[in-house]
Amino acid sequence: MKTNSYFLAFVFLLLASLPILAQEDGEYYSLKDALAANPKEVYGLYLSQENFSSGLPKGLEAFTNLKELMINNSKLSKLSDIWGAFPNLEYLDLSDNRIEELPPSFSQLSKLKTLSLSHSRIGSASLKQIAALKNLEELSLSNDTTFRSANWDAFASLKKLKKLELDGCWLKEFPKVFAQLPALTYLDLHMNLIEEINVSFGPNLEYLDLSEGRLTYLDIEAKGLKSLLIGLTPIRRFPKRLDQLTYLNLQGSIHSNIPSEVMAYSQLKELAFRGTCMREVSANLTQLKHLEKLHLSRNEIVELPAFFSELPNLKELNLDSNLLRVNSLKEPMRKLKVLSITQNMVTMKETFFKGKYMPALEELYMSRGSCYNTPDFTGANQLKIIYMDDHSVSNVHPSLAELPLLEVLDLSGNEELIFPAGMEKLPLTSLNISSCTNYFGDDGKIYEFPAFIAKLRNLEFLEIANVPYAELPDNWASKAILDYLDVSGTKLPYKEIKEIGVDLEECTIVR
């Protein structure tokens, strides 16, 4: 075959230019390489996890065209007064250092848009220098406890500030100037000591995190607020109206049930009420007609109430780690697609799940329990994923073999499984039946390999670890597409594994 000489010349020129192309964007991750380049053509310098305990590296001020500078987690404690050398700097990350003060020239960073000084100890005296950065849009001062009683009034000048992170600063009072920032959309104040907030925010605030603190009283107006996090606080007074709120996190609440005030948030789409002592879900929840996701894990809920079918838009329901025993549904939850009921260790039996009331269900997570059989899946014909690992299951219900869309099945950590006829018709792409042996041991028993597995045409991932199989079938329908095979603990010889058409070059084999 003849090769075009012009093509060879083009390839040679392309390869020769690769080092130049790699530096055209002006980004460097090594100070040595940056200093070796033309300083005027260095636009981004990223020096994470260096050791600058003696101060900023020498020669840094030569990069006068820098737009982005990152010197984080580098044991830096003192900043040289060189910041006037960077008139074009827009992004500065000095987080995770030991910085105690900002030099006078720091306020000359007139084009700076993003600044991170988290885990510093710069003190309230530096706030006026930050306030001079009129183009600042994002600011992180997280985990700096020197601001505990600081005066933040100077921040009124930050008219363009959109994102402010002050989590872990131990603030005692809410700085009212934050509510006056016209562009602010994101405010993170979790892990502080604020007890009361009574302000009116501008229309642009969308995200407010006040969790993990001492908040007891929250009386705010925030017409644009969409996400509110107030979990792990002793809050007792809630805002009366939050017309645009779509996400509310109340995990670890002191309340034994979902507060009635929450029902006024009519646009709520996602509610988290985890880790409380709630035993019974209030029927008032049906007022939230737009609710799509409901997280109720780590409570003491005993019953799946009948009125859940009256939540017309509910798509995801998490009831992990409860005391579920009773399913009182009488009508279908027509839009429910994801149900998670793992770790209901002692109370829940396989009869709890009723497929006929979940016609749209696509994902079922039912791991770690005390079921002896898989449930009757009749009616849940949209199921694509089933996790029912770590029970005491021995019998697989015949309805499982009739699920036309099932792609992922995990039954690992159960007893020796008895499968129904027709399993080979499933469109499974992933199957895990590892560690499915009799609980009391079998004194050297050799297990028969489930023959249907070799007939699965779409299988890509197969885990059959820790089961002493005697041999594998010779012919496999999926041998051309199998990507992952775990046979560890089976003692199957590699020669036999290879005979099914699996090659190490095509498939990851764990043995």
Protein backbone atom coordinates (compact mmCIF):
# COMPACT_ATOMS: atom_id res chain seq x y z
CA MET A 1 0.00 0.00 0.00
CA LYS A 2 1.37 3.43 -0.98
CA THR A 3 1.44 6.27 1.54
CA ASN A 4 0.82 9.86 0.48
CA SER A 5 3.99 11.90 1.14
CA TYR A 6 1.93 15.01 1.88
CA PHE A 7 0.06 13.07 4.55
CA LEU A 8 3.34 11.99 6.19
CA ALA A 9 4.55 15.57 6.20
CA PHE A 10 1.33 16.72 7.84
CA VAL A 11 1.62 14.05 10.55
CA PHE A 12 5.24 15.06 11.21
CA LEU A 13 4.33 18.72 11.59
CA LEU A 14 1.40 17.86 13.86
CA LEU A 15 3.55 15.73 16.18
CA ALA A 16 6.27 18.37 16.24
CA SER A 17 3.78 21.02 17.30
CA LEU A 18 2.17 19.03 20.15
CA PRO A 19 4.28 20.56 22.97
CA ILE A 20 3.40 24.02 21.69
CA LEU A 21 -0.27 23.19 21.43
CA ALA A 22 -0.27 21.83 24.97
CA GLN A 23 0.86 25.24 26.27
CA GLU A 24 -1.15 27.50 23.98
CA ASP A 25 -3.86 27.88 26.60
CA GLY A 26 -1.26 29.15 29.07
CA GLU A 27 -2.15 26.77 31.92
CA TYR A 28 0.65 25.41 34.11
CA TYR A 29 0.67 23.00 37.03
CA SER A 30 4.32 23.44 37.92
CA LEU A 31 6.02 26.67 38.96
CA LYS A 32 9.24 25.50 37.34
CA ASP A 33 7.55 25.01 33.97
CA ALA A 34 5.76 28.34 34.25
CA LEU A 35 8.99 30.20 35.01
CA ALA A 36 10.64 28.54 32.00
CA ALA A 37 7.89 29.87 29.74
CA ASN A 38 7.21 33.43 28.66
CA PRO A 39 5.64 34.96 31.82
CA LYS A 40 3.34 37.13 29.70
CA GLU A 41 1.78 33.99 28.21
CA VAL A 42 0.99 32.32 31.52
CA TYR A 43 -2.74 32.74 32.18
CA GLY A 44 -3.42 29.92 34.66
CA LEU A 45 -1.15 28.68 37.45
CA TYR A 46 -2.25 25.80 39.68
CA LEU A 47 0.07 24.95 42.57
CA SER A 48 -1.90 22.73 44.92
CA GLN A 49 -0.29 20.83 47.81
CA GLU A 50 3.10 22.50 47.59
CA ASN A 51 5.16 23.57 50.59
CA PHE A 52 5.13 27.37 50.78
CA SER A 53 5.49 27.64 54.55
CA SER A 54 8.17 30.33 54.10
CA GLY A 55 5.91 32.50 51.91
CA LEU A 56 4.76 32.92 48.33
CA PRO A 57 7.18 31.53 45.74
CA LYS A 58 9.71 33.96 44.30
CA GLY A 59 9.06 35.23 40.81
CA LEU A 60 5.29 34.97 41.07
CA GLU A 61 4.80 38.66 40.36
CA ALA A 62 6.28 38.16 36.87
CA PHE A 63 3.02 36.57 35.68
CA THR A 64 1.22 39.85 35.17
CA ASN A 65 -1.37 38.39 32.77
CA LEU A 66 -2.60 35.73 35.16
CA LYS A 67 -6.35 35.13 35.11
CA GLU A 68 -6.45 32.12 37.42
CA LEU A 69 -4.21 31.31 40.39
CA MET A 70 -4.54 28.38 42.77
CA ILE A 71 -2.22 27.95 45.76
CA ASN A 72 -4.33 25.82 48.07
CA ASN A 73 -3.31 23.35 50.78
CA SER A 74 0.27 24.58 50.65
CA LYS A 75 1.08 25.51 54.30
CA LEU A 76 1.01 29.18 53.33
CA SER A 77 0.75 31.56 56.32
CA LYS A 78 1.90 34.97 55.04
CA LEU A 79 1.03 36.72 51.79
CA SER A 80 3.56 39.03 50.17
CA ASP A 81 2.32 42.48 49.19
CA ILE A 82 2.51 41.79 45.44
CA TRP A 83 -1.15 41.63 44.42
CA GLY A 84 -1.05 44.83 42.41
CA ALA A 85 0.97 42.84 39.85
CA PHE A 86 -2.13 40.89 38.79
CA PRO A 87 -4.59 43.40 37.29
CA ASN A 88 -6.32 40.69 35.21
CA LEU A 89 -6.75 38.06 37.91
CA GLU A 90 -10.34 36.71 37.97
CA TYR A 91 -10.00 33.49 39.99
CA LEU A 92 -7.98 33.05 43.20
CA ASP A 93 -7.99 29.95 45.41
CA LEU A 94 -5.93 30.22 48.62
CA SER A 95 -8.00 27.72 50.62
CA ASP A 96 -6.70 25.24 53.18
CA ASN A 97 -3.69 27.30 54.20
CA ARG A 98 -2.78 29.15 57.43
CA ILE A 99 -3.23 32.73 56.21
CA GLU A 100 -3.72 35.21 59.08
CA GLU A 101 -4.01 38.56 57.29
CA LEU A 102 -4.37 40.13 53.86
CA PRO A 103 -1.75 42.66 52.67
CA PRO A 104 -2.77 46.20 51.58
CA SER A 105 -2.40 45.46 47.85
CA PHE A 106 -4.96 42.66 48.02
CA SER A 107 -7.76 45.16 47.46
CA GLN A 108 -6.21 46.03 44.07
CA LEU A 109 -7.52 42.81 42.51
CA SER A 110 -10.18 44.85 40.73
CA LYS A 111 -11.21 42.14 38.24
CA LEU A 112 -11.42 39.29 40.73
CA LYS A 113 -14.66 37.31 40.43
CA THR A 114 -13.99 34.20 42.53
CA LEU A 115 -12.09 34.10 45.84
CA SER A 116 -11.63 31.17 48.21
CA LEU A 117 -9.95 31.68 51.58
CA SER A 118 -11.60 28.83 53.47
CA HIS A 119 -9.78 27.32 56.46
CA SER A 120 -7.85 30.55 57.03
CA ARG A 121 -7.72 32.87 60.05
CA ILE A 122 -7.68 36.26 58.38
CA GLY A 123 -9.80 38.00 61.02
CA SER A 124 -12.47 40.68 60.74
CA ALA A 125 -9.91 43.38 59.88
CA SER A 126 -9.52 41.83 56.41
CA LEU A 127 -13.20 42.07 55.56
CA LYS A 128 -12.87 45.68 54.35
CA GLN A 129 -10.18 44.63 51.86
CA ILE A 130 -12.45 41.90 50.51
CA ALA A 131 -15.32 44.38 50.34
CA ALA A 132 -13.19 46.54 48.02
CA LEU A 133 -13.32 43.79 45.37
CA LYS A 134 -16.35 45.25 43.61
CA ASN A 135 -16.52 42.60 40.85
CA LEU A 136 -16.53 39.64 43.23
CA GLU A 137 -19.21 37.07 42.35
CA GLU A 138 -18.22 34.04 44.45
CA LEU A 139 -16.64 34.12 47.91
CA SER A 140 -15.74 31.28 50.29
CA LEU A 141 -14.57 32.09 53.82
CA SER A 142 -15.66 28.77 55.33
CA ASN A 143 -14.23 27.40 58.56
CA ASP A 144 -12.63 30.63 59.72
CA THR A 145 -13.68 31.06 63.35
CA THR A 146 -12.10 34.50 63.67
CA PHE A 147 -15.33 35.97 62.26
CA ARG A 148 -17.43 34.94 65.26
CA SER A 149 -18.35 38.52 66.21
CA ALA A 150 -17.23 40.37 63.08
CA ASN A 151 -18.85 43.45 61.55
CA TRP A 152 -19.88 42.69 57.99
CA ASP A 153 -21.40 46.04 57.03
CA ALA A 154 -18.65 46.76 54.50
CA PHE A 155 -19.99 43.91 52.36
CA ALA A 156 -22.82 46.19 51.23
CA SER A 157 -20.48 47.23 48.41
CA LEU A 158 -20.46 43.72 46.90
CA LYS A 159 -23.33 44.38 44.53
CA LYS A 160 -22.34 41.54 42.17
CA LEU A 161 -21.83 38.84 44.79
CA LYS A 162 -23.85 35.74 43.85
CA LYS A 163 -22.42 33.00 46.06
CA LEU A 164 -21.28 33.31 49.69
CA GLU A 165 -19.97 30.40 51.80
CA LEU A 166 -19.51 30.97 55.52
CA ASP A 167 -20.11 27.49 56.88
CA GLY A 168 -18.25 26.55 60.06
CA CYS A 169 -17.45 30.13 61.06
CA TRP A 170 -19.30 30.02 64.40
CA LEU A 171 -21.17 33.25 63.69
CA LYS A 172 -23.30 34.30 66.66
CA GLU A 173 -25.57 36.74 64.82
CA PHE A 174 -26.94 36.83 61.31
CA PRO A 175 -25.34 39.78 59.44
CA LYS A 176 -28.36 41.64 58.04
CA VAL A 177 -26.23 43.10 55.27
CA PHE A 178 -26.35 39.68 53.56
CA ALA A 179 -30.09 40.11 52.97
CA GLN A 180 -29.34 43.39 51.17
CA LEU A 181 -26.97 41.93 48.57
CA PRO A 182 -28.99 42.33 45.36
CA ALA A 183 -27.31 39.58 43.29
CA LEU A 184 -26.99 36.95 46.02
CA THR A 185 -28.42 33.57 44.94
CA TYR A 186 -26.52 31.12 47.22
CA LEU A 187 -25.85 31.52 50.96
CA ASP A 188 -24.25 28.75 53.03
CA LEU A 189 -24.28 29.34 56.80
CA HIS A 190 -24.41 25.82 58.12
CA MET A 191 -22.46 24.93 61.27
CA ASN A 192 -22.80 28.36 62.90
CA LEU A 193 -24.19 29.57 66.23
CA ILE A 194 -27.01 31.77 64.92
CA GLU A 195 -30.26 31.31 66.87
CA GLU A 196 -32.65 33.81 65.27
CA ILE A 197 -33.07 35.28 61.80
CA ASN A 198 -35.73 37.87 61.00
CA VAL A 199 -35.00 39.52 57.63
CA SER A 200 -36.34 40.00 54.13
CA PHE A 201 -34.06 38.76 51.35
CA GLY A 202 -33.93 40.08 47.84
CA PRO A 203 -35.76 38.25 45.05
CA ASN A 204 -32.67 36.45 43.73
CA LEU A 205 -31.81 34.23 46.71
CA GLU A 206 -32.44 30.62 45.70
CA TYR A 207 -30.35 28.51 48.12
CA LEU A 208 -30.05 28.92 51.91
CA ASP A 209 -28.25 26.45 54.19
CA LEU A 210 -28.69 26.99 57.94
CA SER A 211 -28.29 23.35 59.01
CA GLU A 212 -26.22 21.91 61.86
CA GLY A 213 -26.54 24.95 64.09
CA ARG A 214 -28.55 26.45 66.94
CA LEU A 215 -31.31 27.99 64.87
CA THR A 216 -34.65 28.12 66.68
CA TYR A 217 -36.44 31.06 65.02
CA LEU A 218 -36.62 31.64 61.26
CA ASP A 219 -38.95 34.41 60.15
CA ILE A 220 -37.87 35.41 56.65
CA GLU A 221 -39.27 36.61 53.38
CA ALA A 222 -37.50 35.14 50.37
CA LYS A 223 -39.68 35.23 47.30
CA GLY A 224 -37.20 33.42 45.07
CA LEU A 225 -35.99 30.80 47.57
CA LYS A 226 -36.01 27.28 46.10
CA SER A 227 -33.80 25.27 48.49
CA LEU A 228 -33.81 25.53 52.30
CA LEU A 229 -31.65 23.34 54.56
CA ILE A 230 -32.43 23.56 58.27
CA GLY A 231 -31.70 20.01 59.38
CA LEU A 232 -29.99 19.22 62.67
CA THR A 233 -31.23 22.42 64.31
CA PRO A 234 -33.72 22.94 67.18
CA ILE A 235 -35.92 25.11 64.96
CA ARG A 236 -39.44 25.81 66.24
CA ARG A 237 -40.51 28.87 64.25
CA PHE A 238 -40.80 28.40 60.47
CA PRO A 239 -41.35 30.95 57.71
CA LYS A 240 -45.04 31.34 56.94
CA ARG A 241 -44.71 31.62 53.18
CA LEU A 242 -42.08 30.36 50.79
CA ASP A 243 -44.00 30.33 47.54
CA GLN A 244 -41.17 29.10 45.29
CA LEU A 245 -39.60 26.56 47.67
CA THR A 246 -39.02 23.21 45.95
CA TYR A 247 -36.53 21.52 48.33
CA LEU A 248 -36.65 21.37 52.14
CA ASN A 249 -34.20 19.44 54.33
CA LEU A 250 -35.33 18.84 57.91
CA GLN A 251 -33.20 15.79 58.73
CA GLY A 252 -32.45 15.21 62.40
CA SER A 253 -35.38 17.42 63.39
CA ILE A 254 -36.48 17.70 67.02
CA HIS A 255 -40.06 17.30 65.81
CA SER A 256 -41.73 13.90 66.04
CA ASN A 257 -43.65 14.53 62.83
CA ILE A 258 -43.43 16.78 59.80
CA PRO A 259 -44.37 20.27 61.08
CA SER A 260 -47.74 21.54 59.88
CA GLU A 261 -46.12 24.78 58.66
CA VAL A 262 -44.38 22.77 55.93
CA MET A 263 -47.72 22.02 54.29
CA ALA A 264 -48.00 25.69 53.33
CA TYR A 265 -45.02 25.33 50.98
CA SER A 266 -47.28 24.34 48.12
CA GLN A 267 -44.58 24.10 45.42
CA LEU A 268 -42.41 21.67 47.37
CA LYS A 269 -41.00 18.89 45.17
CA GLU A 270 -38.48 17.28 47.51
CA LEU A 271 -38.69 16.81 51.29
CA ALA A 272 -36.09 15.19 53.58
CA PHE A 273 -37.22 14.26 57.09
CA ARG A 274 -34.59 11.69 58.05
CA GLY A 275 -33.25 10.59 61.39
CA THR A 276 -36.10 11.62 63.71
CA CYS A 277 -38.33 9.69 66.10
CA MET A 278 -41.33 9.79 63.74
CA ARG A 279 -43.46 6.64 63.97
CA GLU A 280 -46.45 7.65 61.91
CA VAL A 281 -46.57 9.88 58.85
CA SER A 282 -49.16 12.64 59.02
CA ALA A 283 -51.95 12.56 56.45
CA ASN A 284 -51.44 16.32 56.04
CA LEU A 285 -48.66 15.39 53.67
CA THR A 286 -51.27 14.96 50.94
CA GLN A 287 -51.49 18.76 50.74
CA LEU A 288 -48.14 18.74 48.93
CA LYS A 289 -49.53 17.94 45.49
CA HIS A 290 -46.24 18.67 43.67
CA LEU A 291 -44.06 16.42 45.86
CA GLU A 292 -41.81 14.19 43.74
CA LYS A 293 -39.14 12.96 46.18
CA LEU A 294 -39.69 11.99 49.82
CA HIS A 295 -36.83 10.92 52.10
CA LEU A 296 -37.99 9.34 55.37
CA SER A 297 -35.07 7.04 56.23
CA ARG A 298 -33.79 6.39 59.78
CA ASN A 299 -37.12 6.96 61.52
CA GLU A 300 -39.38 4.53 63.39
CA ILE A 301 -42.14 4.26 60.78
CA VAL A 302 -44.15 1.05 61.02
CA GLU A 303 -46.71 1.51 58.24
CA LEU A 304 -46.75 2.54 54.61
CA PRO A 305 -50.05 4.45 54.81
CA ALA A 306 -52.87 4.21 52.30
CA PHE A 307 -52.87 7.97 51.67
CA PHE A 308 -49.49 7.77 49.93
CA SER A 309 -51.46 6.93 46.80
CA GLU A 310 -52.91 10.46 47.09
CA LEU A 311 -49.52 12.02 46.37
CA PRO A 312 -50.11 12.28 42.63
CA ASN A 313 -46.58 13.19 41.54
CA LEU A 314 -44.43 11.16 43.93
CA LYS A 315 -41.61 9.49 41.96
CA GLU A 316 -39.04 8.55 44.63
CA LEU A 317 -39.69 7.23 48.14
CA ASN A 318 -36.96 6.35 50.65
CA LEU A 319 -37.97 4.44 53.78
CA ASP A 320 -34.62 2.86 54.63
CA SER A 321 -33.84 1.90 58.23
CA ASN A 322 -37.34 2.05 59.68
CA LEU A 323 -39.56 -0.54 61.39
CA LEU A 324 -41.82 -1.29 58.44
CA ARG A 325 -44.30 -4.09 58.93
CA VAL A 326 -47.57 -3.02 57.30
CA ASN A 327 -48.34 -1.93 53.74
CA SER A 328 -51.82 -0.36 53.80
CA LEU A 329 -51.98 0.74 50.18
CA LYS A 330 -55.40 0.24 48.58
CA GLU A 331 -54.82 2.27 45.43
CA PRO A 332 -51.77 2.49 43.11
CA MET A 333 -48.94 4.99 43.50
CA ARG A 334 -49.11 5.65 39.79
CA LYS A 335 -45.92 7.66 39.24
CA LEU A 336 -43.58 6.03 41.77
CA LYS A 337 -40.39 4.98 39.97
CA VAL A 338 -37.88 4.44 42.79
CA LEU A 339 -38.58 2.71 46.12
CA SER A 340 -35.87 2.15 48.73
CA ILE A 341 -36.78 0.06 51.79
CA THR A 342 -33.39 -1.35 52.80
CA GLN A 343 -32.35 -2.21 56.35
CA ASN A 344 -35.79 -2.85 57.78
CA MET A 345 -33.96 -5.67 59.46
CA VAL A 346 -36.39 -7.51 61.70
CA THR A 347 -39.90 -6.34 60.95
CA MET A 348 -40.44 -6.42 57.18
CA LYS A 349 -41.36 -9.60 55.33
CA GLU A 350 -41.54 -10.23 51.59
CA THR A 351 -45.32 -9.72 51.64
CA PHE A 352 -44.75 -6.02 52.43
CA PHE A 353 -44.02 -5.31 48.77
CA LYS A 354 -47.16 -5.21 46.61
CA GLY A 355 -46.29 -4.83 42.96
CA LYS A 356 -49.85 -4.23 41.85
CA TYR A 357 -49.84 -0.86 43.63
CA MET A 358 -46.63 0.27 41.94
CA PRO A 359 -47.24 -0.07 38.19
CA ALA A 360 -44.59 2.51 37.19
CA LEU A 361 -41.82 1.28 39.53
CA GLU A 362 -38.43 0.98 37.82
CA GLU A 363 -36.01 0.59 40.73
CA LEU A 364 -36.48 -1.42 43.95
CA TYR A 365 -33.86 -1.38 46.72
CA MET A 366 -34.79 -3.93 49.38
CA SER A 367 -31.37 -4.96 50.75
CA ARG A 368 -30.45 -6.25 54.21
CA GLY A 369 -33.51 -7.75 55.85
CA SER A 370 -35.03 -11.02 57.03
CA CYS A 371 -37.06 -12.21 54.03
CA TYR A 372 -37.08 -15.92 53.17
CA ASN A 373 -38.50 -15.48 49.66
CA THR A 374 -38.54 -12.75 47.06
CA PRO A 375 -41.85 -10.83 46.87
CA ASP A 376 -44.59 -11.27 44.33
CA PHE A 377 -43.66 -8.76 41.61
CA THR A 378 -46.93 -9.16 39.70
CA GLY A 379 -48.08 -5.77 38.43
CA ALA A 380 -44.67 -4.06 38.69
CA ASN A 381 -43.88 -4.73 35.06
CA GLN A 382 -41.66 -1.66 34.59
CA LEU A 383 -38.98 -2.89 37.02
CA LYS A 384 -35.47 -2.55 35.62
CA ILE A 385 -33.39 -2.81 38.81
CA ILE A 386 -33.86 -5.05 41.88
CA TYR A 387 -31.50 -5.18 44.85
CA MET A 388 -32.51 -7.82 47.38
CA ASP A 389 -29.11 -8.81 48.75
CA ASP A 390 -28.31 -9.93 52.31
CA HIS A 391 -31.57 -11.57 53.34
CA SER A 392 -32.23 -15.27 53.92
CA VAL A 393 -33.92 -15.83 50.57
CA SER A 394 -34.00 -19.32 49.12
CA ASN A 395 -37.02 -19.25 46.81
CA VAL A 396 -37.30 -16.81 43.92
CA HIS A 397 -40.95 -16.03 43.14
CA PRO A 398 -42.06 -17.03 39.62
CA SER A 399 -43.23 -13.46 38.91
CA LEU A 400 -39.61 -12.31 38.79
CA ALA A 401 -39.05 -14.34 35.63
CA GLU A 402 -41.95 -12.45 34.01
CA LEU A 403 -40.48 -8.95 34.34
CA PRO A 404 -39.93 -7.91 30.70
CA LEU A 405 -37.55 -4.98 31.37
CA LEU A 406 -35.39 -6.30 34.22
CA GLU A 407 -31.72 -5.43 33.59
CA VAL A 408 -30.02 -5.50 37.01
CA LEU A 409 -30.59 -8.17 39.67
CA ASP A 410 -28.63 -8.49 42.92
CA LEU A 411 -29.52 -11.45 45.13
CA SER A 412 -26.11 -11.87 46.73
CA GLY A 413 -25.67 -12.87 50.35
CA ASN A 414 -28.76 -15.10 50.52
CA GLU A 415 -29.30 -18.84 50.94
CA GLU A 416 -28.91 -21.38 48.13
CA LEU A 417 -31.32 -20.03 45.53
CA ILE A 418 -34.07 -21.94 43.76
CA PHE A 419 -34.95 -20.16 40.51
CA PRO A 420 -38.25 -20.46 38.61
CA ALA A 421 -38.53 -21.52 34.99
CA GLY A 422 -38.14 -18.85 32.33
CA MET A 423 -35.28 -16.87 33.91
CA GLU A 424 -33.30 -17.18 30.67
CA LYS A 425 -35.81 -14.88 28.94
CA LEU A 426 -34.92 -11.88 31.10
CA PRO A 427 -32.95 -9.05 29.44
CA LEU A 428 -30.45 -9.01 32.32
CA THR A 429 -27.21 -7.10 31.78
CA SER A 430 -25.97 -7.48 35.39
CA LEU A 431 -26.46 -10.41 37.79
CA ASN A 432 -24.98 -10.91 41.26
CA ILE A 433 -25.63 -14.17 43.13
CA SER A 434 -22.37 -14.24 45.09
CA SER A 435 -22.22 -15.84 48.55
CA CYS A 436 -25.55 -17.63 48.17
CA THR A 437 -24.88 -20.71 50.29
CA ASN A 438 -26.77 -22.37 53.10
CA TYR A 439 -26.39 -20.49 56.38
CA PHE A 440 -25.37 -23.45 58.52
CA GLY A 441 -22.82 -24.77 56.05
CA ASP A 442 -22.82 -27.86 53.87
CA ASP A 443 -19.64 -29.70 54.86
CA GLY A 444 -17.99 -29.50 51.49
CA LYS A 445 -21.13 -29.54 49.35
CA ILE A 446 -20.63 -28.78 45.67
CA TYR A 447 -23.34 -26.52 44.19
CA GLU A 448 -24.93 -26.89 40.79
CA PHE A 449 -24.49 -23.86 38.58
CA PRO A 450 -27.83 -22.24 37.55
CA ALA A 451 -28.12 -23.26 33.91
CA PHE A 452 -30.23 -20.26 32.86
CA ILE A 453 -27.28 -17.88 33.34
CA ALA A 454 -25.48 -19.29 30.31
CA LYS A 455 -28.58 -18.59 28.20
CA LEU A 456 -28.81 -14.88 29.06
CA ARG A 457 -28.04 -13.02 25.84
CA ASN A 458 -27.45 -9.51 27.20
CA LEU A 459 -25.28 -10.32 30.22
CA GLU A 460 -22.31 -7.97 30.69
CA PHE A 461 -21.58 -8.25 34.43
CA LEU A 462 -21.72 -11.52 36.36
CA GLU A 463 -20.74 -12.10 39.99
CA ILE A 464 -20.85 -15.68 41.29
CA ALA A 465 -18.18 -15.43 43.97
CA ASN A 466 -17.90 -17.58 47.11
CA VAL A 467 -20.12 -20.41 45.92
CA PRO A 468 -18.38 -23.81 45.40
CA TYR A 469 -19.63 -24.62 41.91
CA ALA A 470 -18.51 -27.90 40.37
CA GLU A 471 -18.33 -26.66 36.80
CA LEU A 472 -19.59 -24.08 34.35
CA PRO A 473 -21.66 -24.72 31.21
CA ASP A 474 -19.69 -25.01 27.98
CA ASN A 475 -21.78 -22.71 25.82
CA TRP A 476 -22.67 -19.14 26.77
CA ALA A 477 -25.06 -16.89 24.85
CA SER A 478 -23.34 -13.76 26.20
CA LYS A 479 -19.71 -14.74 25.77
CA ALA A 480 -19.09 -12.04 23.15
CA ILE A 481 -20.22 -9.15 25.40
CA LEU A 482 -19.34 -10.29 28.94
CA ASP A 483 -17.18 -7.52 30.43
CA TYR A 484 -16.86 -8.54 34.07
CA LEU A 485 -16.81 -11.95 35.73
CA ASP A 486 -16.20 -12.48 39.46
CA VAL A 487 -15.51 -16.14 40.28
CA SER A 488 -13.39 -15.51 43.39
CA GLY A 489 -13.84 -18.13 46.07
CA THR A 490 -15.37 -20.66 43.65
CA LYS A 491 -12.13 -22.56 43.01
CA LEU A 492 -13.07 -22.87 39.34
CA PRO A 493 -9.92 -23.44 37.24
CA TYR A 494 -9.04 -20.75 34.73
CA LYS A 495 -8.98 -23.36 31.98
CA GLU A 496 -12.68 -23.97 32.51
CA ILE A 497 -13.42 -20.23 32.64
CA LYS A 498 -11.68 -19.78 29.32
CA GLU A 499 -13.69 -22.55 27.71
CA ILE A 500 -16.86 -20.45 27.95
CA GLY A 501 -15.27 -17.98 25.55
CA VAL A 502 -14.11 -15.43 28.10
CA ASP A 503 -10.64 -14.01 27.51
CA LEU A 504 -8.68 -11.82 29.90
CA GLU A 505 -8.07 -9.36 27.07
CA GLU A 506 -11.82 -8.86 26.58
CA CYS A 507 -13.18 -9.34 30.10
CA THR A 508 -12.13 -8.39 33.61
CA ILE A 509 -11.95 -11.61 35.60
CA VAL A 510 -11.73 -11.67 39.39
CA ARG A 511 -10.67 -15.06 40.74
